[in-house]
Amino acid sequence: MKFKEFFDSLLDGKLIGQKCKDCGAYTCPPKACCDNCGSRNLE
């Protein structure tokens, strides 16, 4: 997810985040790696 997509969603009144494909943790705002396990495998 790109920051533009994240901020555009905020303007639409929606809060979106990323889900780690390895551990299932969610993160918001978008980051390069998972806060929980450090994986870069985010969707």
C-alpha atoms as a PDB file:
ATOM      1  CA  MET A   1       0.000   0.000   0.000  1.00  0.00           C
ATOM      2  CA  LYS A   2       1.267   3.451  -0.854  1.00  0.00           C
ATOM      3  CA  PHE A   3       0.908   6.497   1.390  1.00  0.00           C
ATOM      4  CA  LYS A   4      -1.246   8.240  -1.242  1.00  0.00           C
ATOM      5  CA  GLU A   5      -3.757   5.374  -1.107  1.00  0.00           C
ATOM      6  CA  PHE A   6      -3.753   5.563   2.702  1.00  0.00           C
ATOM      7  CA  PHE A   7      -4.309   9.337   2.829  1.00  0.00           C
ATOM      8  CA  ASP A   8      -6.925   9.259   0.063  1.00  0.00           C
ATOM      9  CA  SER A   9      -8.858   6.698   2.117  1.00  0.00           C
ATOM     10  CA  LEU A  10      -8.756   9.052   5.122  1.00  0.00           C
ATOM     11  CA  LEU A  11     -10.247  11.815   2.982  1.00  0.00           C
ATOM     12  CA  ASP A  12     -13.054   9.374   2.102  1.00  0.00           C
ATOM     13  CA  GLY A  13     -13.655   8.721   5.815  1.00  0.00           C
ATOM     14  CA  LYS A  14     -12.084   5.244   5.773  1.00  0.00           C
ATOM     15  CA  LEU A  15      -9.186   3.891   7.793  1.00  0.00           C
ATOM     16  CA  ILE A  16      -7.230   1.179   5.994  1.00  0.00           C
ATOM     17  CA  GLY A  17      -4.128  -0.728   7.008  1.00  0.00           C
ATOM     18  CA  GLN A  18      -1.898  -3.591   5.994  1.00  0.00           C
ATOM     19  CA  LYS A  19      -1.983  -7.236   7.043  1.00  0.00           C
ATOM     20  CA  CYS A  20       1.159  -9.323   7.444  1.00  0.00           C
ATOM     21  CA  LYS A  21       0.913 -12.502   5.375  1.00  0.00           C
ATOM     22  CA  ASP A  22       3.309 -14.276   7.763  1.00  0.00           C
ATOM     23  CA  CYS A  23       1.911 -13.587  11.255  1.00  0.00           C
ATOM     24  CA  GLY A  24      -1.506 -12.039  10.525  1.00  0.00           C
ATOM     25  CA  ALA A  25      -0.872  -8.795  12.434  1.00  0.00           C
ATOM     26  CA  TYR A  26      -2.346  -5.537  11.155  1.00  0.00           C
ATOM     27  CA  THR A  27      -0.456  -2.254  10.905  1.00  0.00           C
ATOM     28  CA  CYS A  28      -1.582   1.290  10.267  1.00  0.00           C
ATOM     29  CA  PRO A  29      -0.306   3.594   8.790  1.00  0.00           C
ATOM     30  CA  PRO A  30       1.490   1.669   6.017  1.00  0.00           C
ATOM     31  CA  LYS A  31       5.066   0.620   6.776  1.00  0.00           C
ATOM     32  CA  ALA A  32       7.830  -1.278   5.020  1.00  0.00           C
ATOM     33  CA  CYS A  33       7.755  -4.170   7.493  1.00  0.00           C
ATOM     34  CA  CYS A  34       5.507  -5.747  10.110  1.00  0.00           C
ATOM     35  CA  ASP A  35       5.802  -4.296  13.628  1.00  0.00           C
ATOM     36  CA  ASN A  36       5.070  -7.716  15.118  1.00  0.00           C
ATOM     37  CA  CYS A  37       7.472 -10.052  13.284  1.00  0.00           C
ATOM     38  CA  GLY A  38       9.591  -7.841  10.991  1.00  0.00           C
ATOM     39  CA  SER A  39       8.377  -9.497   7.794  1.00  0.00           C
ATOM     40  CA  ARG A  40       8.180  -7.478   4.583  1.00  0.00           C
ATOM     41  CA  ASN A  41       5.398  -9.756   3.310  1.00  0.00           C
ATOM     42  CA  LEU A  42       2.510  -7.279   3.709  1.00  0.00           C
ATOM     43  CA  GLU A  43      -0.725  -6.940   1.776  1.00  0.00           C
END
